[in-house]
């Protein structure tokens, strides 16, 4: 009887500890929830409301209308800015994945464990430099008097400087330089969690190295690729600094167009419409990748 009572008492204490842990976890969630509501949800709702207001005689009128959205989609240069942003973001994401995956694979499976930490530190070095400094560094490399043009002209390969700066290619290069390392880290974190026994079992069953990669490693590493690609997409499509410095005004992206609407025209409703449009695009990408965006898989 005593042992049964002790067992029941132990279960009761265990249940009480579990309930206490759940209650503590719930209370710990509240500060993050309040912070998100105050600084993310509320500003977005205000922005969405302003996008439905009118700007009359330089003043905002809280009259609800979809005229701003109709105006946005009827102006070709604004629609082109949205298309340009999507194209640059997609190209950046794809190139970053193509470059980052081999780096992460080599780091995870070809580099000895004692050297992996050192190389990880090297991989995050771009994050130690200010975003503006990195962009201006690339501008010095790509400008008419930059390292590339000066070297090619001194070697006699060209007689006139190549147009490298202030182009879409320069913008994408600046983005890829940064996000390749971000993707390398997310993919590496996923690769090292794949049990080696999976690959060994496939090899024992007669699979070649290529088949092991295509049928085991690649499918199991998709969550890491998806997380890194989503982060790349979100940050790139909303970035203003890199397109402004490296792309100039030759091709306007949505963040630049938003700044122009605010600084030159003071048209806050139109700027809000463009911001909401970006949020819609990002939300669509999130739902497309939602099945893979689970951090517990990394």
C-alpha atoms as a PDB file:
ATOM      1  CA  UNK A   1       0.000   0.000   0.000  1.00  0.00           C
ATOM      2  CA  UNK A   2       2.846   2.321   0.869  1.00  0.00           C
ATOM      3  CA  UNK A   3       4.521   1.832  -2.497  1.00  0.00           C
ATOM      4  CA  UNK A   4       1.255   2.521  -4.323  1.00  0.00           C
ATOM      5  CA  UNK A   5       0.726   5.691  -2.314  1.00  0.00           C
ATOM      6  CA  UNK A   6       4.272   6.829  -3.030  1.00  0.00           C
ATOM      7  CA  UNK A   7       3.770   6.101  -6.718  1.00  0.00           C
ATOM      8  CA  UNK A   8       0.518   8.051  -6.790  1.00  0.00           C
ATOM      9  CA  UNK A   9       2.147  10.899  -4.905  1.00  0.00           C
ATOM     10  CA  UNK A  10       5.042  10.939  -7.354  1.00  0.00           C
ATOM     11  CA  UNK A  11       2.674  11.117 -10.314  1.00  0.00           C
ATOM     12  CA  UNK A  12       0.732  13.911  -8.631  1.00  0.00           C
ATOM     13  CA  UNK A  13       3.920  15.873  -8.051  1.00  0.00           C
ATOM     14  CA  UNK A  14       4.975  15.234 -11.638  1.00  0.00           C
ATOM     15  CA  UNK A  15       1.638  16.473 -12.945  1.00  0.00           C
ATOM     16  CA  UNK A  16       1.853  19.534 -10.719  1.00  0.00           C
ATOM     17  CA  UNK A  17       5.365  20.326 -11.988  1.00  0.00           C
ATOM     18  CA  UNK A  18       4.197  19.919 -15.582  1.00  0.00           C
ATOM     19  CA  UNK A  19       1.243  22.247 -15.013  1.00  0.00           C
ATOM     20  CA  UNK A  20       3.526  24.741 -13.310  1.00  0.00           C
ATOM     21  CA  UNK A  21       5.924  24.587 -16.244  1.00  0.00           C
ATOM     22  CA  UNK A  22       3.098  25.181 -18.715  1.00  0.00           C
ATOM     23  CA  UNK A  23       1.866  28.144 -16.693  1.00  0.00           C
ATOM     24  CA  UNK A  24       5.372  29.613 -16.564  1.00  0.00           C
ATOM     25  CA  UNK A  25       5.797  29.101 -20.316  1.00  0.00           C
ATOM     26  CA  UNK A  26       2.481  30.825 -20.944  1.00  0.00           C
ATOM     27  CA  UNK A  27       3.516  33.830 -18.871  1.00  0.00           C
ATOM     28  CA  UNK A  28       6.839  34.004 -20.708  1.00  0.00           C
ATOM     29  CA  UNK A  29       4.990  34.212 -24.035  1.00  0.00           C
ATOM     30  CA  UNK A  30       2.975  37.271 -23.016  1.00  0.00           C
ATOM     31  CA  UNK A  31       5.836  39.841 -23.177  1.00  0.00           C
ATOM     32  CA  UNK A  32       6.763  38.704 -26.710  1.00  0.00           C
ATOM     33  CA  UNK A  33       3.090  38.757 -27.712  1.00  0.00           C
ATOM     34  CA  UNK A  34       2.596  42.268 -26.335  1.00  0.00           C
ATOM     35  CA  UNK A  35       5.778  43.473 -28.037  1.00  0.00           C
ATOM     36  CA  UNK A  36       4.638  42.014 -31.380  1.00  0.00           C
ATOM     37  CA  UNK A  37       1.202  43.592 -31.062  1.00  0.00           C
ATOM     38  CA  UNK A  38       2.600  47.026 -30.210  1.00  0.00           C
ATOM     39  CA  UNK A  39       5.468  47.224 -32.681  1.00  0.00           C
ATOM     40  CA  UNK A  40       4.424  44.958 -35.566  1.00  0.00           C
ATOM     41  CA  UNK A  41       0.699  44.319 -35.740  1.00  0.00           C
ATOM     42  CA  UNK A  42      -0.466  47.807 -34.719  1.00  0.00           C
ATOM     43  CA  UNK A  43       1.863  49.702 -37.111  1.00  0.00           C
ATOM     44  CA  UNK A  44       0.821  47.414 -39.959  1.00  0.00           C
ATOM     45  CA  UNK A  45      -2.882  47.995 -39.246  1.00  0.00           C
ATOM     46  CA  UNK A  46      -2.277  51.760 -39.154  1.00  0.00           C
ATOM     47  CA  UNK A  47      -0.373  51.547 -42.457  1.00  0.00           C
ATOM     48  CA  UNK A  48      -3.173  49.501 -44.027  1.00  0.00           C
ATOM     49  CA  UNK A  49      -5.711  52.080 -42.843  1.00  0.00           C
ATOM     50  CA  UNK A  50      -3.651  54.999 -44.230  1.00  0.00           C
ATOM     51  CA  UNK A  51      -3.466  53.228 -47.591  1.00  0.00           C
ATOM     52  CA  UNK A  52      -7.250  53.633 -47.807  1.00  0.00           C
ATOM     53  CA  UNK A  53      -7.207  57.343 -46.973  1.00  0.00           C
ATOM     54  CA  UNK A  54      -7.055  60.241 -49.419  1.00  0.00           C
ATOM     55  CA  UNK A  55      -4.534  63.026 -49.756  1.00  0.00           C
ATOM     56  CA  UNK A  56      -6.326  66.269 -50.584  1.00  0.00           C
ATOM     57  CA  UNK A  57      -4.585  69.647 -50.818  1.00  0.00           C
ATOM     58  CA  UNK A  58      -1.546  68.282 -49.019  1.00  0.00           C
ATOM     59  CA  UNK A  59      -3.566  66.921 -46.109  1.00  0.00           C
ATOM     60  CA  UNK A  60      -4.684  63.435 -45.196  1.00  0.00           C
ATOM     61  CA  UNK A  61      -8.428  62.848 -45.202  1.00  0.00           C
ATOM     62  CA  UNK A  62      -9.702  59.760 -43.378  1.00  0.00           C
ATOM     63  CA  UNK A  63     -12.147  58.879 -46.138  1.00  0.00           C
ATOM     64  CA  UNK A  64     -12.097  55.209 -47.036  1.00  0.00           C
ATOM     65  CA  UNK A  65     -11.428  54.471 -50.694  1.00  0.00           C
ATOM     66  CA  UNK A  66      -9.576  52.003 -52.901  1.00  0.00           C
ATOM     67  CA  UNK A  67      -8.561  54.790 -55.277  1.00  0.00           C
ATOM     68  CA  UNK A  68      -4.945  54.602 -54.119  1.00  0.00           C
ATOM     69  CA  UNK A  69      -4.716  50.934 -55.067  1.00  0.00           C
ATOM     70  CA  UNK A  70      -6.304  51.665 -58.453  1.00  0.00           C
ATOM     71  CA  UNK A  71      -3.811  54.495 -58.957  1.00  0.00           C
ATOM     72  CA  UNK A  72      -0.894  52.243 -58.000  1.00  0.00           C
ATOM     73  CA  UNK A  73      -1.781  49.510 -60.494  1.00  0.00           C
ATOM     74  CA  UNK A  74      -2.606  52.044 -63.221  1.00  0.00           C
ATOM     75  CA  UNK A  75       0.817  53.695 -63.096  1.00  0.00           C
ATOM     76  CA  UNK A  76       3.276  51.633 -65.100  1.00  0.00           C
ATOM     77  CA  UNK A  77       6.399  52.938 -63.350  1.00  0.00           C
ATOM     78  CA  UNK A  78       5.065  51.883 -59.948  1.00  0.00           C
ATOM     79  CA  UNK A  79       4.072  48.436 -61.186  1.00  0.00           C
ATOM     80  CA  UNK A  80       7.490  48.156 -62.856  1.00  0.00           C
ATOM     81  CA  UNK A  81       9.125  48.945 -59.501  1.00  0.00           C
ATOM     82  CA  UNK A  82       7.231  46.051 -57.905  1.00  0.00           C
ATOM     83  CA  UNK A  83       8.161  43.701 -60.762  1.00  0.00           C
ATOM     84  CA  UNK A  84      11.801  44.831 -60.576  1.00  0.00           C
ATOM     85  CA  UNK A  85      11.861  44.138 -56.842  1.00  0.00           C
ATOM     86  CA  UNK A  86      10.448  40.645 -57.291  1.00  0.00           C
ATOM     87  CA  UNK A  87      12.859  39.842 -60.142  1.00  0.00           C
ATOM     88  CA  UNK A  88      15.940  41.087 -58.265  1.00  0.00           C
ATOM     89  CA  UNK A  89      14.865  39.230 -55.127  1.00  0.00           C
ATOM     90  CA  UNK A  90      14.222  35.944 -56.926  1.00  0.00           C
ATOM     91  CA  UNK A  91      17.517  36.127 -58.854  1.00  0.00           C
ATOM     92  CA  UNK A  92      19.410  36.953 -55.661  1.00  0.00           C
ATOM     93  CA  UNK A  93      17.796  34.070 -53.786  1.00  0.00           C
ATOM     94  CA  UNK A  94      18.446  31.524 -56.543  1.00  0.00           C
ATOM     95  CA  UNK A  95      22.100  32.523 -57.047  1.00  0.00           C
ATOM     96  CA  UNK A  96      22.702  32.584 -53.291  1.00  0.00           C
ATOM     97  CA  UNK A  97      21.307  29.047 -52.951  1.00  0.00           C
ATOM     98  CA  UNK A  98      23.415  27.775 -55.859  1.00  0.00           C
ATOM     99  CA  UNK A  99      26.591  29.233 -54.342  1.00  0.00           C
ATOM    100  CA  UNK A 100      25.800  28.511 -50.682  1.00  0.00           C
ATOM    101  CA  UNK A 101      24.766  24.852 -50.940  1.00  0.00           C
ATOM    102  CA  UNK A 102      28.152  23.514 -52.123  1.00  0.00           C
ATOM    103  CA  UNK A 103      29.889  25.626 -49.460  1.00  0.00           C
ATOM    104  CA  UNK A 104      27.640  24.249 -46.734  1.00  0.00           C
ATOM    105  CA  UNK A 105      28.026  20.685 -48.034  1.00  0.00           C
ATOM    106  CA  UNK A 106      31.821  20.893 -48.098  1.00  0.00           C
ATOM    107  CA  UNK A 107      31.859  22.488 -44.653  1.00  0.00           C
ATOM    108  CA  UNK A 108      29.587  19.794 -43.179  1.00  0.00           C
ATOM    109  CA  UNK A 109      30.996  16.662 -44.849  1.00  0.00           C
ATOM    110  CA  UNK A 110      34.442  17.396 -46.239  1.00  0.00           C
ATOM    111  CA  UNK A 111      36.063  19.605 -43.593  1.00  0.00           C
ATOM    112  CA  UNK A 112      37.403  17.959 -40.401  1.00  0.00           C
ATOM    113  CA  UNK A 113      35.314  18.762 -37.326  1.00  0.00           C
ATOM    114  CA  UNK A 114      38.182  20.640 -35.622  1.00  0.00           C
ATOM    115  CA  UNK A 115      38.336  23.138 -38.512  1.00  0.00           C
ATOM    116  CA  UNK A 116      34.614  23.654 -38.941  1.00  0.00           C
ATOM    117  CA  UNK A 117      34.323  26.233 -36.147  1.00  0.00           C
ATOM    118  CA  UNK A 118      37.161  28.265 -37.642  1.00  0.00           C
ATOM    119  CA  UNK A 119      35.547  28.264 -41.077  1.00  0.00           C
ATOM    120  CA  UNK A 120      32.167  29.159 -39.561  1.00  0.00           C
ATOM    121  CA  UNK A 121      33.759  32.252 -38.058  1.00  0.00           C
ATOM    122  CA  UNK A 122      35.179  33.111 -41.480  1.00  0.00           C
ATOM    123  CA  UNK A 123      31.718  32.593 -42.980  1.00  0.00           C
ATOM    124  CA  UNK A 124      30.120  35.138 -40.665  1.00  0.00           C
ATOM    125  CA  UNK A 125      32.795  37.788 -41.223  1.00  0.00           C
ATOM    126  CA  UNK A 126      30.578  39.700 -43.707  1.00  0.00           C
ATOM    127  CA  UNK A 127      28.072  40.190 -40.867  1.00  0.00           C
ATOM    128  CA  UNK A 128      30.707  42.050 -38.866  1.00  0.00           C
ATOM    129  CA  UNK A 129      30.883  44.857 -41.425  1.00  0.00           C
ATOM    130  CA  UNK A 130      28.263  47.585 -41.563  1.00  0.00           C
ATOM    131  CA  UNK A 131      25.745  47.179 -44.376  1.00  0.00           C
ATOM    132  CA  UNK A 132      26.518  50.615 -45.838  1.00  0.00           C
ATOM    133  CA  UNK A 133      30.265  49.976 -45.741  1.00  0.00           C
ATOM    134  CA  UNK A 134      29.875  46.710 -47.680  1.00  0.00           C
ATOM    135  CA  UNK A 135      27.806  48.414 -50.366  1.00  0.00           C
ATOM    136  CA  UNK A 136      30.267  51.278 -50.785  1.00  0.00           C
ATOM    137  CA  UNK A 137      33.135  48.772 -50.896  1.00  0.00           C
ATOM    138  CA  UNK A 138      31.535  47.072 -53.876  1.00  0.00           C
ATOM    139  CA  UNK A 139      30.963  50.478 -55.455  1.00  0.00           C
ATOM    140  CA  UNK A 140      34.718  51.137 -55.240  1.00  0.00           C
ATOM    141  CA  UNK A 141      35.367  47.810 -56.942  1.00  0.00           C
ATOM    142  CA  UNK A 142      32.777  48.222 -59.717  1.00  0.00           C
ATOM    143  CA  UNK A 143      32.998  51.951 -60.523  1.00  0.00           C
ATOM    144  CA  UNK A 144      34.562  53.307 -63.711  1.00  0.00           C
ATOM    145  CA  UNK A 145      37.806  53.978 -61.810  1.00  0.00           C
ATOM    146  CA  UNK A 146      37.437  50.880 -59.664  1.00  0.00           C
ATOM    147  CA  UNK A 147      39.720  47.902 -59.280  1.00  0.00           C
ATOM    148  CA  UNK A 148      38.190  45.834 -62.077  1.00  0.00           C
ATOM    149  CA  UNK A 149      38.165  48.533 -64.751  1.00  0.00           C
ATOM    150  CA  UNK A 150      41.586  49.865 -63.763  1.00  0.00           C
ATOM    151  CA  UNK A 151      43.112  46.386 -63.926  1.00  0.00           C
ATOM    152  CA  UNK A 152      41.534  45.513 -67.272  1.00  0.00           C
ATOM    153  CA  UNK A 153      42.570  48.837 -68.807  1.00  0.00           C
ATOM    154  CA  UNK A 154      46.126  48.585 -67.493  1.00  0.00           C
ATOM    155  CA  UNK A 155      46.407  45.098 -69.028  1.00  0.00           C
ATOM    156  CA  UNK A 156      45.083  46.395 -72.344  1.00  0.00           C
ATOM    157  CA  UNK A 157      41.981  44.195 -72.423  1.00  0.00           C
ATOM    158  CA  UNK A 158      39.640  47.199 -72.694  1.00  0.00           C
ATOM    159  CA  UNK A 159      40.027  50.806 -73.794  1.00  0.00           C
ATOM    160  CA  UNK A 160      36.894  52.197 -72.168  1.00  0.00           C
ATOM    161  CA  UNK A 161      35.586  51.446 -68.658  1.00  0.00           C
ATOM    162  CA  UNK A 162      32.880  48.785 -68.452  1.00  0.00           C
ATOM    163  CA  UNK A 163      29.539  49.812 -66.998  1.00  0.00           C
ATOM    164  CA  UNK A 164      29.524  47.686 -63.883  1.00  0.00           C
ATOM    165  CA  UNK A 165      28.238  50.010 -61.165  1.00  0.00           C
ATOM    166  CA  UNK A 166      24.727  51.452 -61.029  1.00  0.00           C
ATOM    167  CA  UNK A 167      23.224  48.408 -62.709  1.00  0.00           C
ATOM    168  CA  UNK A 168      20.935  45.550 -61.693  1.00  0.00           C
ATOM    169  CA  UNK A 169      23.932  43.237 -61.779  1.00  0.00           C
ATOM    170  CA  UNK A 170      25.756  45.378 -59.218  1.00  0.00           C
ATOM    171  CA  UNK A 171      22.732  45.327 -56.929  1.00  0.00           C
ATOM    172  CA  UNK A 172      22.413  41.543 -57.178  1.00  0.00           C
ATOM    173  CA  UNK A 173      26.160  41.098 -56.578  1.00  0.00           C
ATOM    174  CA  UNK A 174      25.950  43.162 -53.397  1.00  0.00           C
ATOM    175  CA  UNK A 175      23.006  41.112 -52.179  1.00  0.00           C
ATOM    176  CA  UNK A 176      24.569  37.753 -53.062  1.00  0.00           C
ATOM    177  CA  UNK A 177      27.791  38.651 -51.229  1.00  0.00           C
ATOM    178  CA  UNK A 178      25.825  38.992 -48.004  1.00  0.00           C
ATOM    179  CA  UNK A 179      23.133  36.348 -48.307  1.00  0.00           C
ATOM    180  CA  UNK A 180      25.369  33.536 -49.542  1.00  0.00           C
ATOM    181  CA  UNK A 181      26.868  33.360 -46.056  1.00  0.00           C
ATOM    182  CA  UNK A 182      23.436  33.491 -44.416  1.00  0.00           C
ATOM    183  CA  UNK A 183      22.235  30.587 -46.530  1.00  0.00           C
ATOM    184  CA  UNK A 184      25.454  28.693 -45.905  1.00  0.00           C
ATOM    185  CA  UNK A 185      24.815  28.840 -42.170  1.00  0.00           C
ATOM    186  CA  UNK A 186      21.183  27.693 -42.371  1.00  0.00           C
ATOM    187  CA  UNK A 187      21.968  24.854 -44.785  1.00  0.00           C
ATOM    188  CA  UNK A 188      25.002  23.768 -42.752  1.00  0.00           C
ATOM    189  CA  UNK A 189      22.889  23.702 -39.571  1.00  0.00           C
ATOM    190  CA  UNK A 190      20.470  21.352 -41.329  1.00  0.00           C
ATOM    191  CA  UNK A 191      23.123  19.114 -42.913  1.00  0.00           C
ATOM    192  CA  UNK A 192      24.967  18.346 -39.692  1.00  0.00           C
ATOM    193  CA  UNK A 193      21.713  17.137 -38.110  1.00  0.00           C
ATOM    194  CA  UNK A 194      21.141  14.489 -40.768  1.00  0.00           C
ATOM    195  CA  UNK A 195      22.220  11.193 -39.115  1.00  0.00           C
ATOM    196  CA  UNK A 196      25.268   9.752 -40.917  1.00  0.00           C
ATOM    197  CA  UNK A 197      23.645   6.330 -40.678  1.00  0.00           C
ATOM    198  CA  UNK A 198      21.130   7.388 -43.343  1.00  0.00           C
ATOM    199  CA  UNK A 199      23.844   7.996 -45.912  1.00  0.00           C
ATOM    200  CA  UNK A 200      25.780   4.905 -44.853  1.00  0.00           C
ATOM    201  CA  UNK A 201      22.673   2.738 -45.144  1.00  0.00           C
ATOM    202  CA  UNK A 202      21.980   4.036 -48.632  1.00  0.00           C
ATOM    203  CA  UNK A 203      25.562   3.345 -49.664  1.00  0.00           C
ATOM    204  CA  UNK A 204      25.384  -0.167 -48.194  1.00  0.00           C
ATOM    205  CA  UNK A 205      22.270  -0.807 -50.278  1.00  0.00           C
ATOM    206  CA  UNK A 206      24.218  -0.032 -53.426  1.00  0.00           C
ATOM    207  CA  UNK A 207      23.468   3.657 -53.983  1.00  0.00           C
ATOM    208  CA  UNK A 208      26.196   5.693 -55.648  1.00  0.00           C
ATOM    209  CA  UNK A 209      27.442   8.955 -54.143  1.00  0.00           C
ATOM    210  CA  UNK A 210      25.211  10.917 -56.506  1.00  0.00           C
ATOM    211  CA  UNK A 211      22.165   8.797 -55.629  1.00  0.00           C
ATOM    212  CA  UNK A 212      22.852   9.201 -51.909  1.00  0.00           C
ATOM    213  CA  UNK A 213      22.944  12.961 -52.385  1.00  0.00           C
ATOM    214  CA  UNK A 214      19.828  13.156 -54.566  1.00  0.00           C
ATOM    215  CA  UNK A 215      17.695  10.705 -52.578  1.00  0.00           C
ATOM    216  CA  UNK A 216      18.870  11.232 -49.011  1.00  0.00           C
ATOM    217  CA  UNK A 217      20.934  14.360 -48.361  1.00  0.00           C
ATOM    218  CA  UNK A 218      19.153  16.813 -50.652  1.00  0.00           C
ATOM    219  CA  UNK A 219      15.551  15.995 -49.604  1.00  0.00           C
ATOM    220  CA  UNK A 220      16.448  16.096 -45.896  1.00  0.00           C
ATOM    221  CA  UNK A 221      18.248  19.433 -46.298  1.00  0.00           C
ATOM    222  CA  UNK A 222      15.322  21.203 -47.979  1.00  0.00           C
ATOM    223  CA  UNK A 223      14.081  22.744 -44.676  1.00  0.00           C
ATOM    224  CA  UNK A 224      17.434  24.489 -44.203  1.00  0.00           C
ATOM    225  CA  UNK A 225      17.360  25.746 -47.775  1.00  0.00           C
ATOM    226  CA  UNK A 226      13.769  26.957 -47.370  1.00  0.00           C
ATOM    227  CA  UNK A 227      14.486  28.857 -44.147  1.00  0.00           C
ATOM    228  CA  UNK A 228      17.542  30.557 -45.617  1.00  0.00           C
ATOM    229  CA  UNK A 229      15.758  31.325 -48.891  1.00  0.00           C
ATOM    230  CA  UNK A 230      12.792  32.829 -47.056  1.00  0.00           C
ATOM    231  CA  UNK A 231      15.035  35.048 -44.919  1.00  0.00           C
ATOM    232  CA  UNK A 232      16.914  36.106 -48.048  1.00  0.00           C
ATOM    233  CA  UNK A 233      13.686  36.910 -49.873  1.00  0.00           C
ATOM    234  CA  UNK A 234      12.210  38.934 -46.993  1.00  0.00           C
ATOM    235  CA  UNK A 235      15.322  41.017 -46.344  1.00  0.00           C
ATOM    236  CA  UNK A 236      16.163  41.569 -50.018  1.00  0.00           C
ATOM    237  CA  UNK A 237      12.737  42.685 -51.170  1.00  0.00           C
ATOM    238  CA  UNK A 238      12.548  45.311 -48.428  1.00  0.00           C
ATOM    239  CA  UNK A 239      16.133  46.554 -48.648  1.00  0.00           C
ATOM    240  CA  UNK A 240      16.739  50.168 -49.608  1.00  0.00           C
ATOM    241  CA  UNK A 241      20.469  50.725 -49.043  1.00  0.00           C
ATOM    242  CA  UNK A 242      22.040  48.292 -51.510  1.00  0.00           C
ATOM    243  CA  UNK A 243      19.815  49.185 -54.507  1.00  0.00           C
ATOM    244  CA  UNK A 244      20.281  52.875 -53.794  1.00  0.00           C
ATOM    245  CA  UNK A 245      24.084  52.698 -53.585  1.00  0.00           C
ATOM    246  CA  UNK A 246      24.905  50.036 -56.173  1.00  0.00           C
ATOM    247  CA  UNK A 247      21.904  50.377 -58.460  1.00  0.00           C
ATOM    248  CA  UNK A 248      21.549  54.144 -58.346  1.00  0.00           C
ATOM    249  CA  UNK A 249      18.425  55.459 -60.005  1.00  0.00           C
ATOM    250  CA  UNK A 250      18.766  53.481 -63.216  1.00  0.00           C
ATOM    251  CA  UNK A 251      16.218  50.924 -62.031  1.00  0.00           C
ATOM    252  CA  UNK A 252      13.852  51.842 -59.227  1.00  0.00           C
ATOM    253  CA  UNK A 253      12.767  49.156 -56.768  1.00  0.00           C
ATOM    254  CA  UNK A 254       9.780  49.392 -54.439  1.00  0.00           C
ATOM    255  CA  UNK A 255      11.727  50.510 -51.327  1.00  0.00           C
ATOM    256  CA  UNK A 256      13.230  53.363 -53.341  1.00  0.00           C
ATOM    257  CA  UNK A 257       9.821  54.270 -54.742  1.00  0.00           C
ATOM    258  CA  UNK A 258       8.388  54.338 -51.209  1.00  0.00           C
ATOM    259  CA  UNK A 259      11.103  56.734 -50.046  1.00  0.00           C
ATOM    260  CA  UNK A 260      10.421  58.962 -53.056  1.00  0.00           C
ATOM    261  CA  UNK A 261       6.708  59.033 -52.283  1.00  0.00           C
ATOM    262  CA  UNK A 262       7.438  60.131 -48.719  1.00  0.00           C
ATOM    263  CA  UNK A 263      10.386  62.502 -49.164  1.00  0.00           C
ATOM    264  CA  UNK A 264       9.349  64.257 -52.381  1.00  0.00           C
ATOM    265  CA  UNK A 265       5.588  63.972 -52.670  1.00  0.00           C
ATOM    266  CA  UNK A 266       4.655  63.429 -49.000  1.00  0.00           C
ATOM    267  CA  UNK A 267       2.107  60.960 -50.363  1.00  0.00           C
ATOM    268  CA  UNK A 268       1.764  58.681 -47.353  1.00  0.00           C
ATOM    269  CA  UNK A 269      -1.295  56.810 -48.661  1.00  0.00           C
ATOM    270  CA  UNK A 270       0.549  55.769 -51.832  1.00  0.00           C
ATOM    271  CA  UNK A 271       3.638  54.805 -49.816  1.00  0.00           C
ATOM    272  CA  UNK A 272       1.372  52.706 -47.598  1.00  0.00           C
ATOM    273  CA  UNK A 273      -0.178  51.027 -50.649  1.00  0.00           C
ATOM    274  CA  UNK A 274       3.253  50.032 -51.907  1.00  0.00           C
ATOM    275  CA  UNK A 275       4.272  48.763 -48.461  1.00  0.00           C
ATOM    276  CA  UNK A 276       1.102  46.688 -48.192  1.00  0.00           C
ATOM    277  CA  UNK A 277       1.810  45.281 -51.652  1.00  0.00           C
ATOM    278  CA  UNK A 278       5.237  44.141 -50.475  1.00  0.00           C
ATOM    279  CA  UNK A 279       3.657  42.551 -47.406  1.00  0.00           C
ATOM    280  CA  UNK A 280       1.223  40.651 -49.636  1.00  0.00           C
ATOM    281  CA  UNK A 281       4.111  39.311 -51.743  1.00  0.00           C
ATOM    282  CA  UNK A 282       6.075  38.265 -48.651  1.00  0.00           C
ATOM    283  CA  UNK A 283       2.984  36.619 -47.138  1.00  0.00           C
ATOM    284  CA  UNK A 284       2.434  34.658 -50.343  1.00  0.00           C
ATOM    285  CA  UNK A 285       6.033  33.434 -50.263  1.00  0.00           C
ATOM    286  CA  UNK A 286       5.624  32.478 -46.608  1.00  0.00           C
ATOM    287  CA  UNK A 287       2.594  30.302 -47.299  1.00  0.00           C
ATOM    288  CA  UNK A 288       4.394  28.742 -50.270  1.00  0.00           C
ATOM    289  CA  UNK A 289       7.293  27.753 -47.979  1.00  0.00           C
ATOM    290  CA  UNK A 290       5.291  27.248 -44.756  1.00  0.00           C
ATOM    291  CA  UNK A 291       5.623  23.464 -44.705  1.00  0.00           C
ATOM    292  CA  UNK A 292       9.401  23.795 -44.549  1.00  0.00           C
ATOM    293  CA  UNK A 293       9.701  26.837 -42.247  1.00  0.00           C
ATOM    294  CA  UNK A 294       9.980  24.919 -38.996  1.00  0.00           C
ATOM    295  CA  UNK A 295      13.032  25.789 -36.982  1.00  0.00           C
ATOM    296  CA  UNK A 296      12.884  22.543 -35.014  1.00  0.00           C
ATOM    297  CA  UNK A 297      14.096  20.802 -38.168  1.00  0.00           C
ATOM    298  CA  UNK A 298      17.313  22.788 -38.163  1.00  0.00           C
END
